[in-house]
């Protein structure tokens, strides 16, 4: 990605599964009311960048929670709700056998996998799922196609992988990177900030 391009990354708003600490991965779960409010807040944060932000490329993961987040953000910017595109490469990390399960349950039934994940969080892959290394490979092709400032509605795992990749953050710390749903991550020229 060129240094003169800015990414405005928005993690989707909260879902009921987020609130329950249930692994979503690529399961298609809608926003809850709190998630819609978080999306409105992020749209208002971006509104301070008008009119320039209006000419950015708007792209979202195809899952319902990211599409709804993008539509709310665009509405807050005074833009048509549907004026964005979808890219399947922005879909969340696939958690395989963990999808749909509560974190508390996994800690009890999959202690060995929890330990393996702690030892190598970037390369560990759940049964039937993806690692952060796999996700980064998927995202790298997308990054190579970006030609202008972009507003992205995607997922927590995608945010973490992008930061490790674009900012050179330690891969062993990938799980420690915060993934708030009520702030916009701004990445430009090897630096990051929050709106």
N, C-alpha and C. Protein backbone atom coordinates (compact mmCIF):
# COMPACT_ATOMS: atom_id res chain seq x y z
N UNK A 1 0.84 -1.18 0.00
CA UNK A 1 0.00 0.00 0.00
C UNK A 1 0.88 1.24 0.00
N UNK A 2 0.53 2.21 -0.82
CA UNK A 2 1.33 3.44 -0.90
C UNK A 2 1.23 4.26 0.39
N UNK A 3 2.31 4.99 0.70
CA UNK A 3 2.36 5.80 1.92
C UNK A 3 1.40 6.98 1.92
N UNK A 4 0.93 7.40 0.74
CA UNK A 4 0.03 8.55 0.69
C UNK A 4 -1.44 8.15 0.82
N UNK A 5 -1.71 6.88 1.05
CA UNK A 5 -3.08 6.40 1.20
C UNK A 5 -3.39 6.22 2.69
N UNK A 6 -4.58 6.65 3.09
CA UNK A 6 -5.04 6.50 4.46
C UNK A 6 -6.16 5.49 4.53
N UNK A 7 -6.06 4.57 5.49
CA UNK A 7 -7.14 3.63 5.77
C UNK A 7 -7.88 4.09 7.02
N UNK A 8 -9.20 4.17 6.92
CA UNK A 8 -10.07 4.47 8.06
C UNK A 8 -10.80 3.16 8.37
N UNK A 9 -10.32 2.44 9.37
CA UNK A 9 -10.82 1.10 9.66
C UNK A 9 -11.82 1.14 10.79
N UNK A 10 -13.00 0.59 10.53
CA UNK A 10 -14.07 0.53 11.54
C UNK A 10 -14.39 -0.93 11.80
N UNK A 11 -14.22 -1.35 13.05
CA UNK A 11 -14.71 -2.67 13.42
C UNK A 11 -16.22 -2.56 13.57
N UNK A 12 -16.93 -3.58 13.11
CA UNK A 12 -18.39 -3.59 13.23
C UNK A 12 -18.80 -3.34 14.67
N UNK A 13 -20.01 -2.83 14.85
CA UNK A 13 -20.56 -2.63 16.18
C UNK A 13 -20.86 -3.95 16.87
N UNK A 14 -21.19 -3.85 18.13
CA UNK A 14 -21.41 -5.03 18.96
C UNK A 14 -22.59 -5.87 18.47
N UNK A 15 -22.45 -7.18 18.63
CA UNK A 15 -23.53 -8.14 18.40
C UNK A 15 -23.84 -8.82 19.72
N UNK A 16 -24.94 -9.54 19.76
CA UNK A 16 -25.25 -10.29 20.98
C UNK A 16 -24.17 -11.33 21.27
N UNK A 17 -23.57 -11.90 20.21
CA UNK A 17 -22.50 -12.87 20.43
C UNK A 17 -21.26 -12.21 21.02
N UNK A 18 -20.95 -10.97 20.60
CA UNK A 18 -19.84 -10.25 21.24
C UNK A 18 -20.12 -10.09 22.72
N UNK A 19 -21.33 -9.67 23.05
CA UNK A 19 -21.69 -9.41 24.44
C UNK A 19 -21.59 -10.69 25.29
N UNK A 20 -21.81 -11.85 24.67
CA UNK A 20 -21.75 -13.12 25.38
C UNK A 20 -20.35 -13.73 25.40
N UNK A 21 -19.37 -13.11 24.72
CA UNK A 21 -18.03 -13.69 24.53
C UNK A 21 -18.12 -15.03 23.79
N UNK A 22 -18.93 -15.01 22.72
CA UNK A 22 -19.11 -16.19 21.87
C UNK A 22 -18.35 -15.94 20.57
N UNK A 23 -17.55 -16.92 20.15
CA UNK A 23 -16.76 -16.76 18.92
C UNK A 23 -17.67 -16.68 17.70
N UNK A 24 -17.56 -15.59 16.95
CA UNK A 24 -18.38 -15.41 15.76
C UNK A 24 -17.68 -15.90 14.51
N UNK A 25 -16.44 -15.45 14.32
CA UNK A 25 -15.75 -15.78 13.09
C UNK A 25 -16.57 -15.37 11.89
N UNK A 26 -16.86 -16.33 11.01
CA UNK A 26 -17.59 -16.02 9.79
C UNK A 26 -19.09 -16.30 9.90
N UNK A 27 -19.58 -16.60 11.11
CA UNK A 27 -21.03 -16.72 11.31
C UNK A 27 -21.66 -15.35 11.07
N UNK A 28 -22.83 -15.33 10.47
CA UNK A 28 -23.45 -14.06 10.04
C UNK A 28 -24.43 -13.57 11.09
N UNK A 29 -23.93 -12.82 12.06
CA UNK A 29 -24.69 -12.36 13.21
C UNK A 29 -24.95 -10.86 13.09
N UNK A 30 -26.19 -10.39 13.31
CA UNK A 30 -26.51 -8.96 13.17
C UNK A 30 -26.05 -8.13 14.38
N UNK A 31 -26.02 -6.83 14.18
CA UNK A 31 -25.73 -5.90 15.27
C UNK A 31 -26.86 -5.92 16.29
N UNK A 32 -26.52 -5.57 17.52
CA UNK A 32 -27.56 -5.30 18.51
C UNK A 32 -27.70 -3.77 18.63
N UNK A 33 -28.56 -3.31 19.52
CA UNK A 33 -28.81 -1.86 19.63
C UNK A 33 -27.54 -1.10 20.02
N UNK A 34 -26.76 -1.67 20.92
CA UNK A 34 -25.50 -1.01 21.31
C UNK A 34 -24.56 -0.92 20.10
N UNK A 35 -24.51 -1.97 19.29
CA UNK A 35 -23.68 -1.97 18.09
C UNK A 35 -24.10 -0.90 17.09
N UNK A 36 -25.40 -0.69 16.96
CA UNK A 36 -25.89 0.38 16.06
C UNK A 36 -25.47 1.75 16.58
N UNK A 37 -25.51 1.92 17.89
CA UNK A 37 -25.08 3.19 18.48
C UNK A 37 -23.58 3.40 18.27
N UNK A 38 -22.79 2.35 18.40
CA UNK A 38 -21.35 2.45 18.15
C UNK A 38 -21.08 2.84 16.69
N UNK A 39 -21.83 2.27 15.77
CA UNK A 39 -21.67 2.62 14.35
C UNK A 39 -22.01 4.09 14.12
N UNK A 40 -23.08 4.58 14.76
CA UNK A 40 -23.44 6.00 14.63
C UNK A 40 -22.30 6.88 15.15
N UNK A 41 -21.73 6.50 16.28
CA UNK A 41 -20.62 7.27 16.86
C UNK A 41 -19.44 7.32 15.88
N UNK A 42 -19.13 6.20 15.25
CA UNK A 42 -18.01 6.18 14.31
C UNK A 42 -18.31 7.01 13.07
N UNK A 43 -19.55 7.01 12.63
CA UNK A 43 -19.93 7.87 11.51
C UNK A 43 -19.77 9.34 11.87
N UNK A 44 -20.14 9.70 13.08
CA UNK A 44 -19.98 11.09 13.53
C UNK A 44 -18.51 11.47 13.63
N UNK A 45 -17.67 10.55 14.06
CA UNK A 45 -16.23 10.83 14.12
C UNK A 45 -15.68 11.10 12.72
N UNK A 46 -16.11 10.31 11.75
CA UNK A 46 -15.65 10.52 10.37
C UNK A 46 -16.23 11.79 9.76
N UNK A 47 -17.40 12.21 10.23
CA UNK A 47 -18.03 13.42 9.68
C UNK A 47 -17.15 14.65 9.87
N UNK A 48 -16.28 14.63 10.86
CA UNK A 48 -15.37 15.77 11.06
C UNK A 48 -14.38 15.90 9.91
N UNK A 49 -14.28 14.86 9.08
CA UNK A 49 -13.34 14.87 7.96
C UNK A 49 -14.02 15.22 6.63
N UNK A 50 -15.30 15.56 6.68
CA UNK A 50 -16.01 15.97 5.46
C UNK A 50 -15.50 17.32 5.00
N UNK A 51 -15.49 17.62 3.69
CA UNK A 51 -16.06 16.80 2.62
C UNK A 51 -15.10 15.75 2.07
N UNK A 52 -13.80 15.83 2.38
CA UNK A 52 -12.82 14.95 1.76
C UNK A 52 -13.12 13.47 1.91
N UNK A 53 -13.55 13.05 3.09
CA UNK A 53 -13.79 11.63 3.33
C UNK A 53 -14.89 11.09 2.41
N UNK A 54 -15.76 11.93 1.94
CA UNK A 54 -16.86 11.50 1.07
C UNK A 54 -16.39 10.92 -0.25
N UNK A 55 -15.17 11.27 -0.68
CA UNK A 55 -14.67 10.75 -1.96
C UNK A 55 -13.79 9.51 -1.78
N UNK A 56 -13.68 9.02 -0.56
CA UNK A 56 -12.90 7.79 -0.31
C UNK A 56 -13.62 6.59 -0.91
N UNK A 57 -12.89 5.50 -1.02
CA UNK A 57 -13.48 4.21 -1.40
C UNK A 57 -14.09 3.63 -0.13
N UNK A 58 -15.34 3.23 -0.18
CA UNK A 58 -16.02 2.62 0.96
C UNK A 58 -16.20 1.14 0.67
N UNK A 59 -15.66 0.30 1.53
CA UNK A 59 -15.69 -1.15 1.29
C UNK A 59 -15.92 -1.88 2.61
N UNK A 60 -16.71 -2.96 2.54
CA UNK A 60 -17.05 -3.71 3.74
C UNK A 60 -16.93 -5.21 3.50
N UNK A 61 -16.72 -5.92 4.58
CA UNK A 61 -16.87 -7.37 4.58
C UNK A 61 -18.32 -7.68 4.23
N UNK A 62 -18.60 -8.79 3.59
CA UNK A 62 -19.98 -9.10 3.20
C UNK A 62 -20.90 -9.58 4.32
N UNK A 63 -20.40 -9.74 5.54
CA UNK A 63 -21.25 -10.21 6.63
C UNK A 63 -22.22 -9.10 7.08
N UNK A 64 -23.38 -9.49 7.57
CA UNK A 64 -24.44 -8.54 7.88
C UNK A 64 -24.02 -7.49 8.90
N UNK A 65 -23.21 -7.87 9.89
CA UNK A 65 -22.83 -6.90 10.92
C UNK A 65 -21.93 -5.80 10.37
N UNK A 66 -21.12 -6.11 9.37
CA UNK A 66 -20.27 -5.08 8.78
C UNK A 66 -21.04 -4.25 7.75
N UNK A 67 -21.95 -4.89 7.04
CA UNK A 67 -22.76 -4.14 6.07
C UNK A 67 -23.64 -3.12 6.81
N UNK A 68 -24.26 -3.55 7.90
CA UNK A 68 -25.11 -2.63 8.65
C UNK A 68 -24.28 -1.51 9.27
N UNK A 69 -23.10 -1.84 9.77
CA UNK A 69 -22.21 -0.80 10.31
C UNK A 69 -21.89 0.23 9.22
N UNK A 70 -21.52 -0.23 8.03
CA UNK A 70 -21.18 0.68 6.94
C UNK A 70 -22.37 1.54 6.55
N UNK A 71 -23.55 0.96 6.49
CA UNK A 71 -24.74 1.74 6.11
C UNK A 71 -25.03 2.84 7.12
N UNK A 72 -24.88 2.53 8.40
CA UNK A 72 -25.10 3.55 9.44
C UNK A 72 -24.05 4.64 9.34
N UNK A 73 -22.79 4.26 9.15
CA UNK A 73 -21.70 5.24 9.02
C UNK A 73 -21.98 6.17 7.84
N UNK A 74 -22.32 5.60 6.70
CA UNK A 74 -22.59 6.41 5.51
C UNK A 74 -23.78 7.34 5.72
N UNK A 75 -24.79 6.86 6.40
CA UNK A 75 -25.95 7.69 6.71
C UNK A 75 -25.53 8.90 7.55
N UNK A 76 -24.66 8.68 8.53
CA UNK A 76 -24.17 9.77 9.38
C UNK A 76 -23.33 10.77 8.59
N UNK A 77 -22.73 10.30 7.51
CA UNK A 77 -21.93 11.18 6.65
C UNK A 77 -22.79 11.90 5.61
N UNK A 78 -24.09 11.61 5.59
CA UNK A 78 -24.97 12.21 4.60
C UNK A 78 -24.80 11.60 3.22
N UNK A 79 -24.30 10.38 3.16
CA UNK A 79 -24.08 9.67 1.90
C UNK A 79 -25.15 8.59 1.74
N UNK A 80 -25.42 8.16 0.51
CA UNK A 80 -26.39 7.08 0.32
C UNK A 80 -25.95 5.82 1.07
N UNK A 81 -26.88 5.20 1.78
CA UNK A 81 -26.56 4.01 2.59
C UNK A 81 -25.92 2.89 1.79
N UNK A 82 -26.33 2.72 0.56
CA UNK A 82 -25.87 1.58 -0.25
C UNK A 82 -24.66 1.90 -1.12
N UNK A 83 -24.07 3.06 -1.02
CA UNK A 83 -22.99 3.47 -1.91
C UNK A 83 -21.61 2.95 -1.52
N UNK A 84 -21.49 1.67 -1.31
CA UNK A 84 -20.21 1.05 -0.96
C UNK A 84 -20.14 -0.30 -1.65
N UNK A 85 -18.95 -0.89 -1.62
CA UNK A 85 -18.79 -2.20 -2.24
C UNK A 85 -18.40 -3.23 -1.18
N UNK A 86 -18.57 -4.49 -1.53
CA UNK A 86 -18.21 -5.60 -0.65
C UNK A 86 -16.96 -6.29 -1.17
N UNK A 87 -16.15 -6.78 -0.23
CA UNK A 87 -14.98 -7.55 -0.62
C UNK A 87 -14.86 -8.74 0.32
N UNK A 88 -15.00 -9.96 -0.19
CA UNK A 88 -14.96 -11.15 0.69
C UNK A 88 -13.62 -11.36 1.37
N UNK A 89 -12.56 -10.72 0.89
CA UNK A 89 -11.26 -10.86 1.55
C UNK A 89 -11.22 -10.17 2.90
N UNK A 90 -12.22 -9.31 3.17
CA UNK A 90 -12.29 -8.59 4.44
C UNK A 90 -13.12 -9.31 5.50
N UNK A 91 -13.58 -10.52 5.18
CA UNK A 91 -14.36 -11.28 6.14
C UNK A 91 -13.47 -11.68 7.33
N UNK A 92 -14.11 -11.93 8.45
CA UNK A 92 -13.38 -12.24 9.69
C UNK A 92 -12.60 -13.55 9.57
N UNK A 93 -11.62 -13.67 10.44
CA UNK A 93 -10.87 -14.90 10.64
C UNK A 93 -11.86 -16.04 10.86
N UNK A 94 -11.63 -17.17 10.22
CA UNK A 94 -12.51 -18.33 10.40
C UNK A 94 -12.03 -19.10 11.63
N UNK A 95 -12.90 -19.23 12.62
CA UNK A 95 -12.53 -19.91 13.86
C UNK A 95 -12.84 -21.40 13.86
N UNK A 96 -13.23 -21.95 12.72
CA UNK A 96 -13.42 -23.38 12.61
C UNK A 96 -14.35 -23.93 13.67
N UNK A 97 -13.87 -24.95 14.39
CA UNK A 97 -14.69 -25.62 15.41
C UNK A 97 -15.06 -24.71 16.59
N UNK A 98 -14.39 -23.58 16.73
CA UNK A 98 -14.69 -22.67 17.83
C UNK A 98 -15.88 -21.76 17.52
N UNK A 99 -16.24 -21.63 16.27
CA UNK A 99 -17.33 -20.70 15.93
C UNK A 99 -18.63 -21.12 16.61
N UNK A 100 -19.30 -20.13 17.20
CA UNK A 100 -20.56 -20.36 17.89
C UNK A 100 -20.41 -20.80 19.33
N UNK A 101 -19.17 -21.01 19.77
CA UNK A 101 -18.94 -21.48 21.13
C UNK A 101 -18.53 -20.34 22.05
N UNK A 102 -18.90 -20.46 23.32
CA UNK A 102 -18.53 -19.46 24.32
C UNK A 102 -17.06 -19.64 24.70
N UNK A 103 -16.39 -18.52 24.96
CA UNK A 103 -15.00 -18.57 25.41
C UNK A 103 -14.88 -19.40 26.68
N UNK A 104 -15.81 -19.25 27.62
CA UNK A 104 -15.75 -20.01 28.88
C UNK A 104 -15.83 -21.51 28.62
N UNK A 105 -16.62 -21.93 27.65
CA UNK A 105 -16.72 -23.35 27.30
C UNK A 105 -15.42 -23.86 26.69
N UNK A 106 -14.84 -23.07 25.79
CA UNK A 106 -13.60 -23.48 25.12
C UNK A 106 -12.47 -23.63 26.14
N UNK A 107 -12.42 -22.75 27.11
CA UNK A 107 -11.37 -22.84 28.14
C UNK A 107 -11.47 -24.16 28.90
N UNK A 108 -12.68 -24.67 29.05
CA UNK A 108 -12.87 -25.92 29.79
C UNK A 108 -12.63 -27.16 28.92
N UNK A 109 -13.04 -27.10 27.66
CA UNK A 109 -13.00 -28.30 26.82
C UNK A 109 -11.78 -28.38 25.90
N UNK A 110 -11.15 -27.24 25.61
CA UNK A 110 -10.04 -27.20 24.64
C UNK A 110 -8.78 -26.59 25.25
N UNK A 111 -8.44 -27.02 26.45
CA UNK A 111 -7.29 -26.44 27.15
C UNK A 111 -5.99 -26.59 26.35
N UNK A 112 -5.82 -27.70 25.66
CA UNK A 112 -4.59 -27.90 24.88
C UNK A 112 -4.50 -26.90 23.73
N UNK A 113 -5.62 -26.65 23.06
CA UNK A 113 -5.62 -25.66 21.98
C UNK A 113 -5.40 -24.24 22.51
N UNK A 114 -5.98 -23.95 23.65
CA UNK A 114 -5.75 -22.63 24.27
C UNK A 114 -4.25 -22.45 24.52
N UNK A 115 -3.59 -23.48 25.03
CA UNK A 115 -2.15 -23.41 25.30
C UNK A 115 -1.36 -23.25 24.00
N UNK A 116 -1.71 -24.00 22.97
CA UNK A 116 -1.01 -23.87 21.68
C UNK A 116 -1.20 -22.47 21.10
N UNK A 117 -2.38 -21.93 21.27
CA UNK A 117 -2.65 -20.57 20.77
C UNK A 117 -1.78 -19.55 21.52
N UNK A 118 -1.65 -19.70 22.81
CA UNK A 118 -0.80 -18.79 23.60
C UNK A 118 0.66 -18.86 23.14
N UNK A 119 1.13 -20.05 22.80
CA UNK A 119 2.52 -20.25 22.41
C UNK A 119 2.84 -19.63 21.04
N UNK A 120 1.87 -19.65 20.13
CA UNK A 120 2.11 -19.12 18.78
C UNK A 120 0.80 -18.55 18.22
N UNK A 121 0.35 -17.41 18.76
CA UNK A 121 -0.97 -16.90 18.39
C UNK A 121 -1.11 -16.51 16.92
N UNK A 122 -0.02 -16.18 16.26
CA UNK A 122 -0.10 -15.74 14.87
C UNK A 122 -0.26 -16.92 13.91
N UNK A 123 0.36 -18.03 14.22
CA UNK A 123 0.34 -19.18 13.31
C UNK A 123 -0.60 -20.30 13.74
N UNK A 124 -1.10 -20.25 14.97
CA UNK A 124 -2.03 -21.28 15.44
C UNK A 124 -3.32 -21.23 14.63
N UNK A 125 -3.83 -22.39 14.32
CA UNK A 125 -5.05 -22.50 13.51
C UNK A 125 -6.01 -23.46 14.21
N UNK A 126 -7.26 -23.01 14.49
CA UNK A 126 -8.23 -23.94 15.08
C UNK A 126 -8.62 -25.00 14.05
N UNK A 127 -9.08 -26.13 14.53
CA UNK A 127 -9.52 -27.21 13.63
C UNK A 127 -10.58 -26.65 12.67
N UNK A 128 -10.29 -26.75 11.37
CA UNK A 128 -11.23 -26.29 10.35
C UNK A 128 -11.22 -24.79 10.12
N UNK A 129 -10.28 -24.07 10.74
CA UNK A 129 -10.28 -22.61 10.64
C UNK A 129 -9.01 -22.05 10.03
N UNK A 130 -8.78 -20.76 10.31
CA UNK A 130 -7.64 -20.02 9.77
C UNK A 130 -6.75 -19.51 10.88
N UNK A 131 -5.49 -19.29 10.55
CA UNK A 131 -4.55 -18.61 11.45
C UNK A 131 -4.49 -17.14 11.05
N UNK A 132 -3.87 -16.33 11.89
CA UNK A 132 -3.63 -14.93 11.51
C UNK A 132 -2.70 -14.85 10.31
N UNK A 133 -1.79 -15.80 10.18
CA UNK A 133 -0.91 -15.85 9.00
C UNK A 133 -1.74 -16.07 7.74
N UNK A 134 -2.72 -16.97 7.80
CA UNK A 134 -3.62 -17.21 6.67
C UNK A 134 -4.40 -15.94 6.33
N UNK A 135 -4.92 -15.29 7.36
CA UNK A 135 -5.71 -14.07 7.17
C UNK A 135 -4.86 -12.98 6.54
N UNK A 136 -3.62 -12.83 6.99
CA UNK A 136 -2.73 -11.81 6.44
C UNK A 136 -2.48 -12.06 4.96
N UNK A 137 -2.30 -13.30 4.59
CA UNK A 137 -2.09 -13.64 3.17
C UNK A 137 -3.31 -13.22 2.34
N UNK A 138 -4.49 -13.48 2.86
CA UNK A 138 -5.74 -13.08 2.18
C UNK A 138 -5.82 -11.57 2.05
N UNK A 139 -5.46 -10.85 3.12
CA UNK A 139 -5.54 -9.39 3.12
C UNK A 139 -4.48 -8.75 2.23
N UNK A 140 -3.34 -9.40 2.08
CA UNK A 140 -2.25 -8.82 1.31
C UNK A 140 -2.66 -8.58 -0.15
N UNK A 141 -3.43 -9.49 -0.72
CA UNK A 141 -3.88 -9.28 -2.10
C UNK A 141 -4.81 -8.08 -2.19
N UNK A 142 -5.67 -7.93 -1.18
CA UNK A 142 -6.57 -6.76 -1.14
C UNK A 142 -5.76 -5.47 -1.00
N UNK A 143 -4.79 -5.45 -0.11
CA UNK A 143 -3.98 -4.24 0.08
C UNK A 143 -3.27 -3.82 -1.20
N UNK A 144 -2.85 -4.79 -2.00
CA UNK A 144 -2.16 -4.48 -3.25
C UNK A 144 -3.04 -3.81 -4.28
N UNK A 145 -4.35 -3.83 -4.09
CA UNK A 145 -5.28 -3.23 -5.04
C UNK A 145 -5.80 -1.86 -4.61
N UNK A 146 -5.44 -1.41 -3.42
CA UNK A 146 -5.94 -0.12 -2.93
C UNK A 146 -5.24 1.02 -3.67
N UNK A 147 -6.03 1.94 -4.21
CA UNK A 147 -5.46 3.06 -4.98
C UNK A 147 -5.80 4.42 -4.40
N UNK A 148 -6.65 4.46 -3.36
CA UNK A 148 -7.03 5.75 -2.77
C UNK A 148 -7.45 5.55 -1.32
N UNK A 149 -7.62 6.66 -0.61
CA UNK A 149 -8.07 6.58 0.77
C UNK A 149 -9.32 5.69 0.83
N UNK A 150 -9.41 4.90 1.91
CA UNK A 150 -10.50 3.93 2.00
C UNK A 150 -11.08 3.90 3.40
N UNK A 151 -12.40 3.80 3.47
CA UNK A 151 -13.14 3.58 4.71
C UNK A 151 -13.56 2.11 4.68
N UNK A 152 -13.15 1.37 5.69
CA UNK A 152 -13.36 -0.07 5.72
C UNK A 152 -14.21 -0.44 6.94
N UNK A 153 -15.25 -1.24 6.72
CA UNK A 153 -16.01 -1.83 7.82
C UNK A 153 -15.70 -3.32 7.80
N UNK A 154 -15.04 -3.78 8.87
CA UNK A 154 -14.61 -5.17 8.89
C UNK A 154 -14.64 -5.69 10.32
N UNK A 155 -13.67 -6.47 10.71
CA UNK A 155 -13.73 -7.26 11.94
C UNK A 155 -12.47 -7.10 12.79
N UNK A 156 -12.58 -7.54 14.05
CA UNK A 156 -11.47 -7.41 14.99
C UNK A 156 -10.21 -8.15 14.54
N UNK A 157 -10.37 -9.38 14.08
CA UNK A 157 -9.21 -10.14 13.61
C UNK A 157 -8.53 -9.48 12.43
N UNK A 158 -9.33 -8.91 11.54
CA UNK A 158 -8.78 -8.21 10.37
C UNK A 158 -8.00 -6.98 10.83
N UNK A 159 -8.53 -6.25 11.80
CA UNK A 159 -7.83 -5.08 12.34
C UNK A 159 -6.47 -5.49 12.91
N UNK A 160 -6.44 -6.55 13.68
CA UNK A 160 -5.18 -7.01 14.27
C UNK A 160 -4.17 -7.42 13.21
N UNK A 161 -4.63 -8.21 12.23
CA UNK A 161 -3.73 -8.67 11.17
C UNK A 161 -3.18 -7.49 10.37
N UNK A 162 -4.04 -6.52 10.06
CA UNK A 162 -3.57 -5.35 9.30
C UNK A 162 -2.51 -4.58 10.07
N UNK A 163 -2.71 -4.39 11.36
CA UNK A 163 -1.73 -3.64 12.15
C UNK A 163 -0.40 -4.37 12.23
N UNK A 164 -0.43 -5.68 12.44
CA UNK A 164 0.84 -6.43 12.45
C UNK A 164 1.54 -6.29 11.11
N UNK A 165 0.79 -6.40 10.04
CA UNK A 165 1.36 -6.39 8.70
C UNK A 165 1.84 -4.99 8.28
N UNK A 166 0.99 -3.99 8.44
CA UNK A 166 1.31 -2.64 7.94
C UNK A 166 2.21 -1.85 8.88
N UNK A 167 2.11 -2.11 10.17
CA UNK A 167 2.87 -1.32 11.14
C UNK A 167 4.06 -2.08 11.70
N UNK A 168 4.22 -3.34 11.29
CA UNK A 168 5.36 -4.12 11.76
C UNK A 168 5.29 -4.45 13.25
N UNK A 169 4.08 -4.57 13.78
CA UNK A 169 3.93 -4.89 15.20
C UNK A 169 4.31 -6.36 15.43
N UNK A 170 4.79 -6.68 16.63
CA UNK A 170 5.21 -8.06 16.91
C UNK A 170 4.06 -9.04 16.75
N UNK A 171 4.27 -10.03 15.93
CA UNK A 171 3.22 -11.00 15.64
C UNK A 171 2.82 -11.80 16.87
N UNK A 172 3.75 -12.02 17.78
CA UNK A 172 3.42 -12.78 18.98
C UNK A 172 2.49 -12.00 19.92
N UNK A 173 2.30 -10.71 19.65
CA UNK A 173 1.41 -9.87 20.47
C UNK A 173 0.06 -9.65 19.80
N UNK A 174 -0.23 -10.36 18.70
CA UNK A 174 -1.44 -10.10 17.91
C UNK A 174 -2.71 -10.14 18.75
N UNK A 175 -2.80 -11.06 19.70
CA UNK A 175 -4.02 -11.17 20.51
C UNK A 175 -4.14 -10.07 21.55
N UNK A 176 -3.06 -9.34 21.80
CA UNK A 176 -3.08 -8.28 22.79
C UNK A 176 -3.53 -6.94 22.20
N UNK A 177 -3.63 -6.86 20.88
CA UNK A 177 -4.02 -5.60 20.25
C UNK A 177 -5.51 -5.33 20.50
N UNK A 178 -5.81 -4.13 20.97
CA UNK A 178 -7.20 -3.81 21.26
C UNK A 178 -8.00 -3.69 19.97
N UNK A 179 -9.27 -4.05 20.06
CA UNK A 179 -10.15 -4.00 18.89
C UNK A 179 -11.49 -3.35 19.29
N UNK A 180 -11.46 -2.06 19.63
CA UNK A 180 -12.69 -1.39 20.06
C UNK A 180 -13.71 -1.30 18.94
N UNK A 181 -14.97 -1.29 19.33
CA UNK A 181 -16.05 -1.17 18.36
C UNK A 181 -16.60 0.25 18.30
N UNK A 182 -16.04 1.14 19.09
CA UNK A 182 -16.55 2.51 19.15
C UNK A 182 -15.48 3.55 18.82
N UNK A 183 -14.46 3.13 18.05
CA UNK A 183 -13.43 4.06 17.59
C UNK A 183 -13.01 3.69 16.17
N UNK A 184 -12.54 4.68 15.45
CA UNK A 184 -12.06 4.46 14.08
C UNK A 184 -10.54 4.42 14.12
N UNK A 185 -9.97 3.37 13.57
CA UNK A 185 -8.53 3.22 13.46
C UNK A 185 -8.06 3.89 12.17
N UNK A 186 -7.09 4.78 12.27
CA UNK A 186 -6.55 5.47 11.10
C UNK A 186 -5.11 5.01 10.90
N UNK A 187 -4.83 4.45 9.72
CA UNK A 187 -3.49 3.97 9.37
C UNK A 187 -3.02 4.73 8.15
N UNK A 188 -1.82 5.34 8.28
CA UNK A 188 -1.23 6.08 7.16
C UNK A 188 0.28 6.11 7.33
N UNK A 189 0.98 5.79 6.27
CA UNK A 189 2.45 5.90 6.22
C UNK A 189 3.14 5.25 7.42
N UNK A 190 2.70 4.06 7.80
CA UNK A 190 3.35 3.33 8.88
C UNK A 190 3.03 3.83 10.26
N UNK A 191 1.99 4.65 10.40
CA UNK A 191 1.58 5.15 11.70
C UNK A 191 0.10 4.88 11.92
N UNK A 192 -0.33 4.94 13.17
CA UNK A 192 -1.75 4.74 13.46
C UNK A 192 -2.23 5.73 14.51
N UNK A 193 -3.53 6.00 14.48
CA UNK A 193 -4.17 6.85 15.47
C UNK A 193 -5.62 6.40 15.57
N UNK A 194 -6.31 6.86 16.62
CA UNK A 194 -7.73 6.55 16.81
C UNK A 194 -8.55 7.82 16.71
N UNK A 195 -9.71 7.72 16.08
CA UNK A 195 -10.70 8.82 16.07
C UNK A 195 -11.83 8.44 17.01
